C-alpha atoms as a PDB file:
ATOM      1  CA  UNK A   1      -7.654 -88.359  -5.315  1.00  0.00           C
ATOM      2  CA  UNK A   2      -6.321 -86.513  -2.319  1.00  0.00           C
ATOM      3  CA  UNK A   3      -8.150 -82.963  -1.451  1.00  0.00           C
ATOM      4  CA  UNK A   4      -6.130 -80.286   0.076  1.00  0.00           C
ATOM      5  CA  UNK A   5      -7.983 -78.444   2.907  1.00  0.00           C
ATOM      6  CA  UNK A   6      -8.070 -74.962   2.528  1.00  0.00           C
ATOM      7  CA  UNK A   7      -5.946 -72.328   4.099  1.00  0.00           C
ATOM      8  CA  UNK A   8      -6.994 -70.636   7.021  1.00  0.00           C
ATOM      9  CA  UNK A   9      -9.007 -67.346   6.009  1.00  0.00           C
ATOM     10  CA  UNK A  10      -7.485 -64.292   7.813  1.00  0.00           C
ATOM     11  CA  UNK A  11     -10.491 -62.162   8.858  1.00  0.00           C
ATOM     12  CA  UNK A  12      -9.428 -58.076   7.556  1.00  0.00           C
ATOM     13  CA  UNK A  13     -11.951 -56.814   9.796  1.00  0.00           C
ATOM     14  CA  UNK A  14     -10.445 -57.359  12.201  1.00  0.00           C
ATOM     15  CA  UNK A  15      -6.599 -56.020  13.305  1.00  0.00           C
ATOM     16  CA  UNK A  16      -5.262 -58.964  12.576  1.00  0.00           C
ATOM     17  CA  UNK A  17      -2.695 -57.895   9.939  1.00  0.00           C
ATOM     18  CA  UNK A  18      -1.334 -56.463  12.913  1.00  0.00           C
ATOM     19  CA  UNK A  19      -1.156 -52.393  11.361  1.00  0.00           C
ATOM     20  CA  UNK A  20       1.934 -50.796  12.270  1.00  0.00           C
ATOM     21  CA  UNK A  21       2.159 -47.874  14.764  1.00  0.00           C
ATOM     22  CA  UNK A  22       2.601 -45.690  11.343  1.00  0.00           C
ATOM     23  CA  UNK A  23       0.065 -47.109   9.822  1.00  0.00           C
ATOM     24  CA  UNK A  24      -2.242 -46.853  12.567  1.00  0.00           C
ATOM     25  CA  UNK A  25      -1.503 -43.425  12.920  1.00  0.00           C
ATOM     26  CA  UNK A  26      -3.236 -42.912   9.114  1.00  0.00           C
ATOM     27  CA  UNK A  27      -6.009 -44.952  10.025  1.00  0.00           C
ATOM     28  CA  UNK A  28      -6.997 -42.394  12.982  1.00  0.00           C
ATOM     29  CA  UNK A  29      -6.612 -39.619  10.797  1.00  0.00           C
ATOM     30  CA  UNK A  30      -8.756 -40.579   8.368  1.00  0.00           C
ATOM     31  CA  UNK A  31     -11.322 -41.563  10.830  1.00  0.00           C
ATOM     32  CA  UNK A  32     -11.088 -38.003  11.806  1.00  0.00           C
ATOM     33  CA  UNK A  33     -11.603 -36.761   7.591  1.00  0.00           C
ATOM     34  CA  UNK A  34     -15.394 -38.801   7.937  1.00  0.00           C
ATOM     35  CA  UNK A  35     -16.769 -36.870  11.126  1.00  0.00           C
ATOM     36  CA  UNK A  36     -15.485 -34.071   9.428  1.00  0.00           C
ATOM     37  CA  UNK A  37     -18.735 -31.974   7.412  1.00  0.00           C
ATOM     38  CA  UNK A  38     -19.027 -32.661   3.431  1.00  0.00           C
ATOM     39  CA  UNK A  39     -17.364 -29.230   2.475  1.00  0.00           C
ATOM     40  CA  UNK A  40     -14.584 -31.247   4.242  1.00  0.00           C
ATOM     41  CA  UNK A  41     -14.836 -33.706   2.927  1.00  0.00           C
ATOM     42  CA  UNK A  42     -14.746 -32.909  -0.358  1.00  0.00           C
ATOM     43  CA  UNK A  43     -11.383 -30.788   0.353  1.00  0.00           C
ATOM     44  CA  UNK A  44      -9.977 -34.164   2.193  1.00  0.00           C
ATOM     45  CA  UNK A  45     -10.956 -36.522  -0.195  1.00  0.00           C
ATOM     46  CA  UNK A  46      -7.184 -37.563  -1.172  1.00  0.00           C
ATOM     47  CA  UNK A  47      -7.001 -39.170   2.305  1.00  0.00           C
ATOM     48  CA  UNK A  48      -9.301 -40.992   0.749  1.00  0.00           C
ATOM     49  CA  UNK A  49      -6.447 -42.722  -1.878  1.00  0.00           C
ATOM     50  CA  UNK A  50      -3.901 -42.725   0.640  1.00  0.00           C
ATOM     51  CA  UNK A  51      -5.620 -44.967   2.316  1.00  0.00           C
ATOM     52  CA  UNK A  52      -6.128 -47.914   0.001  1.00  0.00           C
ATOM     53  CA  UNK A  53      -2.712 -47.001  -1.367  1.00  0.00           C
ATOM     54  CA  UNK A  54      -1.505 -48.135   2.199  1.00  0.00           C
ATOM     55  CA  UNK A  55      -2.995 -51.037   3.160  1.00  0.00           C
ATOM     56  CA  UNK A  56      -3.172 -51.992  -0.739  1.00  0.00           C
ATOM     57  CA  UNK A  57       0.730 -52.058  -0.500  1.00  0.00           C
ATOM     58  CA  UNK A  58       0.146 -51.020  -4.248  1.00  0.00           C
ATOM     59  CA  UNK A  59       2.107 -48.433  -6.218  1.00  0.00           C
ATOM     60  CA  UNK A  60      -0.009 -45.778  -8.156  1.00  0.00           C
ATOM     61  CA  UNK A  61       2.492 -44.918 -10.053  1.00  0.00           C
ATOM     62  CA  UNK A  62       4.222 -48.241 -10.865  1.00  0.00           C
ATOM     63  CA  UNK A  63       1.808 -50.850  -9.952  1.00  0.00           C
ATOM     64  CA  UNK A  64       4.355 -52.124  -7.810  1.00  0.00           C
ATOM     65  CA  UNK A  65       2.120 -54.841  -5.211  1.00  0.00           C
ATOM     66  CA  UNK A  66       5.723 -54.948  -3.368  1.00  0.00           C
ATOM     67  CA  UNK A  67       6.104 -52.073  -3.011  1.00  0.00           C
ATOM     68  CA  UNK A  68       6.227 -50.639   1.032  1.00  0.00           C
ATOM     69  CA  UNK A  69       2.974 -48.673   1.439  1.00  0.00           C
ATOM     70  CA  UNK A  70       5.050 -45.687   3.406  1.00  0.00           C
ATOM     71  CA  UNK A  71       7.535 -45.808   0.152  1.00  0.00           C
ATOM     72  CA  UNK A  72       4.775 -46.262  -2.286  1.00  0.00           C
ATOM     73  CA  UNK A  73       2.648 -42.801  -0.310  1.00  0.00           C
ATOM     74  CA  UNK A  74       6.072 -41.454  -1.209  1.00  0.00           C
ATOM     75  CA  UNK A  75       6.793 -41.888  -4.386  1.00  0.00           C
ATOM     76  CA  UNK A  76       3.350 -40.648  -4.989  1.00  0.00           C
ATOM     77  CA  UNK A  77       3.369 -37.837  -3.495  1.00  0.00           C
ATOM     78  CA  UNK A  78       6.644 -36.408  -5.302  1.00  0.00           C
ATOM     79  CA  UNK A  79       5.520 -37.128  -8.629  1.00  0.00           C
ATOM     80  CA  UNK A  80       1.740 -35.707  -7.520  1.00  0.00           C
ATOM     81  CA  UNK A  81       4.110 -32.513  -6.750  1.00  0.00           C
ATOM     82  CA  UNK A  82       6.038 -32.625  -9.556  1.00  0.00           C
ATOM     83  CA  UNK A  83       3.043 -32.545 -11.949  1.00  0.00           C
ATOM     84  CA  UNK A  84       1.733 -29.521 -10.513  1.00  0.00           C
ATOM     85  CA  UNK A  85       4.551 -27.657 -10.137  1.00  0.00           C
ATOM     86  CA  UNK A  86       5.512 -28.252 -13.793  1.00  0.00           C
ATOM     87  CA  UNK A  87       3.403 -26.024 -16.782  1.00  0.00           C
ATOM     88  CA  UNK A  88       2.121 -26.755 -19.949  1.00  0.00           C
ATOM     89  CA  UNK A  89       4.420 -27.723 -22.612  1.00  0.00           C
ATOM     90  CA  UNK A  90       2.217 -29.198 -25.746  1.00  0.00           C
ATOM     91  CA  UNK A  91       2.667 -26.765 -28.478  1.00  0.00           C
ATOM     92  CA  UNK A  92      -0.307 -25.075 -30.425  1.00  0.00           C
ATOM     93  CA  UNK A  93      -1.519 -27.769 -33.102  1.00  0.00           C
ATOM     94  CA  UNK A  94      -1.077 -25.285 -35.808  1.00  0.00           C
ATOM     95  CA  UNK A  95      -0.734 -25.365 -39.447  1.00  0.00           C
ATOM     96  CA  UNK A  96       2.290 -23.531 -40.437  1.00  0.00           C
ATOM     97  CA  UNK A  97       0.866 -21.206 -42.968  1.00  0.00           C
ATOM     98  CA  UNK A  98      -1.693 -20.050 -40.648  1.00  0.00           C
ATOM     99  CA  UNK A  99       0.965 -18.790 -38.005  1.00  0.00           C
ATOM    100  CA  UNK A 100       3.094 -17.985 -41.147  1.00  0.00           C
ATOM    101  CA  UNK A 101      -0.003 -15.364 -41.879  1.00  0.00           C
ATOM    102  CA  UNK A 102      -0.971 -14.554 -37.965  1.00  0.00           C
ATOM    103  CA  UNK A 103       1.371 -12.281 -36.110  1.00  0.00           C
ATOM    104  CA  UNK A 104      -0.906 -12.033 -32.849  1.00  0.00           C
ATOM    105  CA  UNK A 105      -0.911 -16.099 -33.032  1.00  0.00           C
ATOM    106  CA  UNK A 106       3.493 -15.455 -33.607  1.00  0.00           C
ATOM    107  CA  UNK A 107       3.340 -13.403 -30.501  1.00  0.00           C
ATOM    108  CA  UNK A 108       1.744 -15.225 -28.396  1.00  0.00           C
ATOM    109  CA  UNK A 109       3.505 -18.537 -29.523  1.00  0.00           C
ATOM    110  CA  UNK A 110       7.257 -16.618 -28.160  1.00  0.00           C
ATOM    111  CA  UNK A 111       5.765 -14.572 -24.986  1.00  0.00           C
ATOM    112  CA  UNK A 112       1.840 -14.274 -23.624  1.00  0.00           C
ATOM    113  CA  UNK A 113       1.834 -10.082 -23.672  1.00  0.00           C
ATOM    114  CA  UNK A 114       0.672  -7.717 -21.166  1.00  0.00           C
ATOM    115  CA  UNK A 115      -2.856  -7.255 -22.455  1.00  0.00           C
ATOM    116  CA  UNK A 116      -3.829  -4.611 -19.841  1.00  0.00           C
ATOM    117  CA  UNK A 117      -0.320  -2.468 -20.579  1.00  0.00           C
ATOM    118  CA  UNK A 118      -1.085  -2.655 -24.343  1.00  0.00           C
ATOM    119  CA  UNK A 119      -4.552  -1.599 -23.928  1.00  0.00           C
ATOM    120  CA  UNK A 120      -3.564   1.741 -21.725  1.00  0.00           C
ATOM    121  CA  UNK A 121      -0.464   2.487 -24.136  1.00  0.00           C
ATOM    122  CA  UNK A 122      -1.652   1.971 -27.705  1.00  0.00           C
ATOM    123  CA  UNK A 123      -2.576   4.701 -28.766  1.00  0.00           C
ATOM    124  CA  UNK A 124      -6.488   4.506 -29.960  1.00  0.00           C
ATOM    125  CA  UNK A 125      -6.077   6.718 -32.603  1.00  0.00           C
ATOM    126  CA  UNK A 126      -4.063   6.898 -36.003  1.00  0.00           C
ATOM    127  CA  UNK A 127      -1.666   8.713 -37.967  1.00  0.00           C
ATOM    128  CA  UNK A 128      -3.869  10.478 -40.675  1.00  0.00           C
ATOM    129  CA  UNK A 129      -2.830  11.928 -43.888  1.00  0.00           C
ATOM    130  CA  UNK A 130      -5.364  14.399 -44.853  1.00  0.00           C
ATOM    131  CA  UNK A 131      -6.501  15.803 -48.259  1.00  0.00           C
ATOM    132  CA  UNK A 132      -9.957  17.907 -48.402  1.00  0.00           C
ATOM    133  CA  UNK A 133     -12.798  20.473 -49.795  1.00  0.00           C
ATOM    134  CA  UNK A 134     -13.036  23.452 -48.051  1.00  0.00           C
ATOM    135  CA  UNK A 135     -15.653  26.594 -48.263  1.00  0.00           C
ATOM    136  CA  UNK A 136     -15.843  29.805 -46.523  1.00  0.00           C
ATOM    137  CA  UNK A 137     -18.519  31.396 -45.958  1.00  0.00           C
ATOM    138  CA  UNK A 138     -16.944  34.814 -44.484  1.00  0.00           C
ATOM    139  CA  UNK A 139     -15.391  35.105 -47.684  1.00  0.00           C
ATOM    140  CA  UNK A 140     -17.971  35.838 -50.025  1.00  0.00           C
ATOM    141  CA  UNK A 141     -18.148  31.552 -49.917  1.00  0.00           C
ATOM    142  CA  UNK A 142     -15.437  30.986 -52.024  1.00  0.00           C
ATOM    143  CA  UNK A 143     -14.387  27.447 -52.181  1.00  0.00           C
ATOM    144  CA  UNK A 144     -10.982  25.894 -52.037  1.00  0.00           C
ATOM    145  CA  UNK A 145      -9.144  22.663 -50.289  1.00  0.00           C
ATOM    146  CA  UNK A 146      -7.077  21.590 -47.627  1.00  0.00           C
ATOM    147  CA  UNK A 147      -3.975  19.279 -47.391  1.00  0.00           C
ATOM    148  CA  UNK A 148      -2.594  18.525 -44.263  1.00  0.00           C
ATOM    149  CA  UNK A 149      -1.068  15.132 -41.930  1.00  0.00           C
ATOM    150  CA  UNK A 150      -2.269  15.053 -38.159  1.00  0.00           C
ATOM    151  CA  UNK A 151      -0.576  13.218 -35.614  1.00  0.00           C
ATOM    152  CA  UNK A 152       2.586  11.465 -36.537  1.00  0.00           C
ATOM    153  CA  UNK A 153       4.096   9.717 -33.922  1.00  0.00           C
ATOM    154  CA  UNK A 154       7.616  10.826 -32.512  1.00  0.00           C
ATOM    155  CA  UNK A 155       8.955   7.183 -31.519  1.00  0.00           C
ATOM    156  CA  UNK A 156       6.241   5.541 -28.531  1.00  0.00           C
ATOM    157  CA  UNK A 157       6.074   8.858 -26.862  1.00  0.00           C
ATOM    158  CA  UNK A 158       3.083  10.900 -26.889  1.00  0.00           C
ATOM    159  CA  UNK A 159       4.728  13.687 -29.116  1.00  0.00           C
ATOM    160  CA  UNK A 160       2.886  14.052 -31.941  1.00  0.00           C
ATOM    161  CA  UNK A 161       3.917  16.285 -34.889  1.00  0.00           C
ATOM    162  CA  UNK A 162       0.540  17.951 -37.077  1.00  0.00           C
ATOM    163  CA  UNK A 163       1.112  20.404 -40.362  1.00  0.00           C
ATOM    164  CA  UNK A 164      -1.881  21.940 -42.498  1.00  0.00           C
ATOM    165  CA  UNK A 165      -2.136  23.956 -45.501  1.00  0.00           C
ATOM    166  CA  UNK A 166      -5.591  25.504 -46.735  1.00  0.00           C
ATOM    167  CA  UNK A 167      -6.353  28.255 -49.177  1.00  0.00           C
ATOM    168  CA  UNK A 168      -9.267  29.479 -51.518  1.00  0.00           C
ATOM    169  CA  UNK A 169      -9.237  28.261 -55.223  1.00  0.00           C
ATOM    170  CA  UNK A 170      -8.540  31.992 -56.459  1.00  0.00           C
ATOM    171  CA  UNK A 171      -9.305  35.398 -55.079  1.00  0.00           C
ATOM    172  CA  UNK A 172      -7.646  38.489 -54.687  1.00  0.00           C
ATOM    173  CA  UNK A 173      -6.166  39.791 -51.448  1.00  0.00           C
ATOM    174  CA  UNK A 174      -6.681  43.168 -51.945  1.00  0.00           C
ATOM    175  CA  UNK A 175     -10.650  42.633 -52.673  1.00  0.00           C
ATOM    176  CA  UNK A 176     -10.747  40.238 -49.622  1.00  0.00           C
ATOM    177  CA  UNK A 177     -11.628  37.179 -51.575  1.00  0.00           C
ATOM    178  CA  UNK A 178      -8.702  35.331 -51.112  1.00  0.00           C
ATOM    179  CA  UNK A 179      -7.857  32.947 -47.578  1.00  0.00           C
ATOM    180  CA  UNK A 180      -4.483  30.970 -46.965  1.00  0.00           C
ATOM    181  CA  UNK A 181      -3.311  29.653 -43.817  1.00  0.00           C
ATOM    182  CA  UNK A 182      -0.501  27.111 -43.362  1.00  0.00           C
ATOM    183  CA  UNK A 183       1.919  26.096 -40.477  1.00  0.00           C
ATOM    184  CA  UNK A 184       2.944  22.917 -38.477  1.00  0.00           C
ATOM    185  CA  UNK A 185       2.441  21.934 -34.801  1.00  0.00           C
ATOM    186  CA  UNK A 186       4.038  20.199 -31.582  1.00  0.00           C
ATOM    187  CA  UNK A 187       1.469  18.278 -29.592  1.00  0.00           C
ATOM    188  CA  UNK A 188       1.867  16.591 -26.511  1.00  0.00           C
ATOM    189  CA  UNK A 189      -1.111  14.088 -24.973  1.00  0.00           C
ATOM    190  CA  UNK A 190      -0.548  13.380 -21.214  1.00  0.00           C
ATOM    191  CA  UNK A 191      -2.689  11.044 -20.903  1.00  0.00           C
ATOM    192  CA  UNK A 192      -2.088   6.802 -21.833  1.00  0.00           C
ATOM    193  CA  UNK A 193      -2.725   7.009 -25.614  1.00  0.00           C
ATOM    194  CA  UNK A 194      -4.671   3.988 -25.246  1.00  0.00           C
ATOM    195  CA  UNK A 195      -7.040   6.320 -23.065  1.00  0.00           C
ATOM    196  CA  UNK A 196     -10.510   7.066 -24.825  1.00  0.00           C
ATOM    197  CA  UNK A 197     -10.467  10.454 -23.847  1.00  0.00           C
ATOM    198  CA  UNK A 198      -7.205  13.001 -24.132  1.00  0.00           C
ATOM    199  CA  UNK A 199      -6.033  16.023 -24.167  1.00  0.00           C
ATOM    200  CA  UNK A 200      -3.218  17.875 -24.808  1.00  0.00           C
ATOM    201  CA  UNK A 201      -1.188  21.416 -25.140  1.00  0.00           C
ATOM    202  CA  UNK A 202      -0.444  22.545 -28.993  1.00  0.00           C
ATOM    203  CA  UNK A 203       2.394  24.295 -29.198  1.00  0.00           C
ATOM    204  CA  UNK A 204       3.411  25.745 -32.932  1.00  0.00           C
ATOM    205  CA  UNK A 205       3.980  28.049 -36.280  1.00  0.00           C
ATOM    206  CA  UNK A 206       0.767  29.544 -38.219  1.00  0.00           C
ATOM    207  CA  UNK A 207       0.759  32.110 -40.756  1.00  0.00           C
ATOM    208  CA  UNK A 208      -2.650  33.450 -42.166  1.00  0.00           C
ATOM    209  CA  UNK A 209      -3.490  35.683 -44.755  1.00  0.00           C
ATOM    210  CA  UNK A 210      -6.803  37.465 -45.619  1.00  0.00           C
ATOM    211  CA  UNK A 211      -7.912  40.564 -47.745  1.00  0.00           C
ATOM    212  CA  UNK A 212      -8.736  42.079 -44.110  1.00  0.00           C
ATOM    213  CA  UNK A 213      -5.546  41.566 -42.276  1.00  0.00           C
ATOM    214  CA  UNK A 214      -1.922  39.256 -42.647  1.00  0.00           C
ATOM    215  CA  UNK A 215       0.053  37.422 -39.479  1.00  0.00           C
ATOM    216  CA  UNK A 216       2.359  35.225 -38.158  1.00  0.00           C
ATOM    217  CA  UNK A 217       4.040  33.656 -35.393  1.00  0.00           C
ATOM    218  CA  UNK A 218       3.903  31.582 -32.333  1.00  0.00           C
ATOM    219  CA  UNK A 219       0.482  29.141 -32.351  1.00  0.00           C
ATOM    220  CA  UNK A 220      -0.595  27.716 -28.865  1.00  0.00           C
ATOM    221  CA  UNK A 221      -3.701  26.104 -27.596  1.00  0.00           C
ATOM    222  CA  UNK A 222      -4.953  22.875 -26.274  1.00  0.00           C
ATOM    223  CA  UNK A 223      -7.151  20.057 -27.604  1.00  0.00           C
ATOM    224  CA  UNK A 224      -9.301  17.824 -26.317  1.00  0.00           C
ATOM    225  CA  UNK A 225     -10.113  14.515 -27.668  1.00  0.00           C
ATOM    226  CA  UNK A 226     -12.668  12.138 -27.642  1.00  0.00           C
ATOM    227  CA  UNK A 227     -12.374   8.595 -29.407  1.00  0.00           C
ATOM    228  CA  UNK A 228     -15.928   6.130 -28.715  1.00  0.00           C
ATOM    229  CA  UNK A 229     -13.964   3.622 -30.918  1.00  0.00           C
ATOM    230  CA  UNK A 230     -10.886   2.946 -30.621  1.00  0.00           C
ATOM    231  CA  UNK A 231      -8.026   2.420 -34.151  1.00  0.00           C
ATOM    232  CA  UNK A 232      -9.279   5.702 -36.168  1.00  0.00           C
ATOM    233  CA  UNK A 233     -13.101   3.899 -36.199  1.00  0.00           C
ATOM    234  CA  UNK A 234     -14.492   7.839 -34.992  1.00  0.00           C
ATOM    235  CA  UNK A 235     -13.050  10.005 -32.852  1.00  0.00           C
ATOM    236  CA  UNK A 236     -13.917  13.477 -31.594  1.00  0.00           C
ATOM    237  CA  UNK A 237     -11.589  16.646 -31.406  1.00  0.00           C
ATOM    238  CA  UNK A 238     -11.854  20.505 -30.178  1.00  0.00           C
ATOM    239  CA  UNK A 239      -9.084  22.621 -30.617  1.00  0.00           C
ATOM    240  CA  UNK A 240      -8.319  26.229 -29.973  1.00  0.00           C
ATOM    241  CA  UNK A 241      -5.189  28.032 -29.974  1.00  0.00           C
ATOM    242  CA  UNK A 242      -3.648  31.695 -30.105  1.00  0.00           C
ATOM    243  CA  UNK A 243      -1.928  33.434 -33.011  1.00  0.00           C
ATOM    244  CA  UNK A 244       0.785  35.709 -31.392  1.00  0.00           C
ATOM    245  CA  UNK A 245      -0.891  35.687 -28.286  1.00  0.00           C
ATOM    246  CA  UNK A 246      -0.799  39.381 -27.074  1.00  0.00           C
ATOM    247  CA  UNK A 247       0.027  41.353 -29.516  1.00  0.00           C
ATOM    248  CA  UNK A 248      -2.381  43.865 -31.384  1.00  0.00           C
ATOM    249  CA  UNK A 249      -2.223  40.643 -34.356  1.00  0.00           C
ATOM    250  CA  UNK A 250      -3.836  37.556 -32.130  1.00  0.00           C
ATOM    251  CA  UNK A 251      -5.732  35.557 -33.474  1.00  0.00           C
ATOM    252  CA  UNK A 252      -7.862  32.742 -31.891  1.00  0.00           C
ATOM    253  CA  UNK A 253      -9.100  29.154 -33.971  1.00  0.00           C
ATOM    254  CA  UNK A 254     -11.478  27.197 -32.888  1.00  0.00           C
ATOM    255  CA  UNK A 255     -11.674  23.954 -35.002  1.00  0.00           C
ATOM    256  CA  UNK A 256     -14.302  20.902 -34.308  1.00  0.00           C
ATOM    257  CA  UNK A 257     -13.321  17.994 -35.976  1.00  0.00           C
ATOM    258  CA  UNK A 258     -15.309  14.859 -36.219  1.00  0.00           C
ATOM    259  CA  UNK A 259     -13.972  11.543 -38.228  1.00  0.00           C
ATOM    260  CA  UNK A 260     -15.763   8.205 -39.077  1.00  0.00           C
ATOM    261  CA  UNK A 261     -13.881   5.631 -41.114  1.00  0.00           C
ATOM    262  CA  UNK A 262     -15.180   4.179 -43.782  1.00  0.00           C
ATOM    263  CA  UNK A 263     -12.812   1.489 -44.990  1.00  0.00           C
ATOM    264  CA  UNK A 264     -10.161   0.288 -42.534  1.00  0.00           C
ATOM    265  CA  UNK A 265      -7.761   2.877 -44.206  1.00  0.00           C
ATOM    266  CA  UNK A 266     -10.131   5.740 -45.034  1.00  0.00           C
ATOM    267  CA  UNK A 267     -12.266   8.122 -43.551  1.00  0.00           C
ATOM    268  CA  UNK A 268     -14.390  11.030 -43.639  1.00  0.00           C
ATOM    269  CA  UNK A 269     -13.559  13.832 -41.610  1.00  0.00           C
ATOM    270  CA  UNK A 270     -15.598  17.485 -41.339  1.00  0.00           C
ATOM    271  CA  UNK A 271     -14.654  20.350 -39.684  1.00  0.00           C
ATOM    272  CA  UNK A 272     -15.885  23.593 -38.461  1.00  0.00           C
ATOM    273  CA  UNK A 273     -13.456  26.799 -37.502  1.00  0.00           C
ATOM    274  CA  UNK A 274     -13.636  30.032 -36.559  1.00  0.00           C
ATOM    275  CA  UNK A 275     -11.186  32.662 -36.655  1.00  0.00           C
ATOM    276  CA  UNK A 276     -11.387  35.885 -35.274  1.00  0.00           C
ATOM    277  CA  UNK A 277      -9.243  38.958 -34.873  1.00  0.00           C
ATOM    278  CA  UNK A 278      -9.494  42.700 -34.074  1.00  0.00           C
ATOM    279  CA  UNK A 279     -10.077  43.126 -37.879  1.00  0.00           C
ATOM    280  CA  UNK A 280     -12.043  40.348 -39.162  1.00  0.00           C
ATOM    281  CA  UNK A 281     -14.223  37.199 -38.131  1.00  0.00           C
ATOM    282  CA  UNK A 282     -14.093  34.127 -40.403  1.00  0.00           C
ATOM    283  CA  UNK A 283     -15.067  30.865 -41.342  1.00  0.00           C
ATOM    284  CA  UNK A 284     -14.001  27.373 -43.257  1.00  0.00           C
ATOM    285  CA  UNK A 285     -16.311  24.518 -43.117  1.00  0.00           C
ATOM    286  CA  UNK A 286     -14.541  20.928 -44.495  1.00  0.00           C
ATOM    287  CA  UNK A 287     -15.142  18.002 -45.531  1.00  0.00           C
ATOM    288  CA  UNK A 288     -12.204  16.233 -45.522  1.00  0.00           C
ATOM    289  CA  UNK A 289     -11.249  12.331 -47.013  1.00  0.00           C
ATOM    290  CA  UNK A 290      -8.088  11.061 -44.243  1.00  0.00           C
ATOM    291  CA  UNK A 291      -5.902   7.822 -45.101  1.00  0.00           C
ATOM    292  CA  UNK A 292      -4.586   6.212 -42.128  1.00  0.00           C
ATOM    293  CA  UNK A 293      -1.452   3.963 -42.803  1.00  0.00           C
END
């Protein structure tokens, strides 16, 4: 049996492969990379992969050993750039039932919201429908009731509407045993509605009846609101207004209200109110149940 002699072995540790000029340039750049500090080597680690592509003549994308080295490099670079520029399009792997029951997931699946804008402009307090018990210490401690609504938003602006009625269960206005106050206000919150501190000028109307006096007219002033917990969970408000300011029947009304949520839609609130006029100083204390729609 005739044994064939092995073919000539080509050494690869010398330049016997006759590299082209472009390959020599790339080889020189690779040597420069090896001489850089370690941090720069890590950043330029991709050059090593390119070197294996060039001298190995293997297409990393198609795995075709017959592709020319430079053409292989071009194809790989184009695909790497394309993959980096295209955003991921994989849909969320969520069951349809869960998606239908979650408005938040539906919103995020349609468009990524501006969370910072929502925090600043979504109201940190809610509209409240109020019904409660009142006691009037300055009117022989007579008891009564109060009903109203506060901060009904007009569109997506800082303008709100409020209205209230308060009075004794019984009493005679001639003997000073009767108290009755009713009216409505417009408030415009000047700071972003999502703020934890806000202030609003107040403009409205009040009708006040007591045993000592009766007055009605324009109600002007301001309210300060502190909101330690958003979405109606807890807040504190201080309101100072004047009925018929500048007239002889002027009445100043100071109201401090503190509310705390006991459920998602119900709150308990405490009102402390003082009415100051030339004729008499009156007071009211109220415990109010508030419903947040």
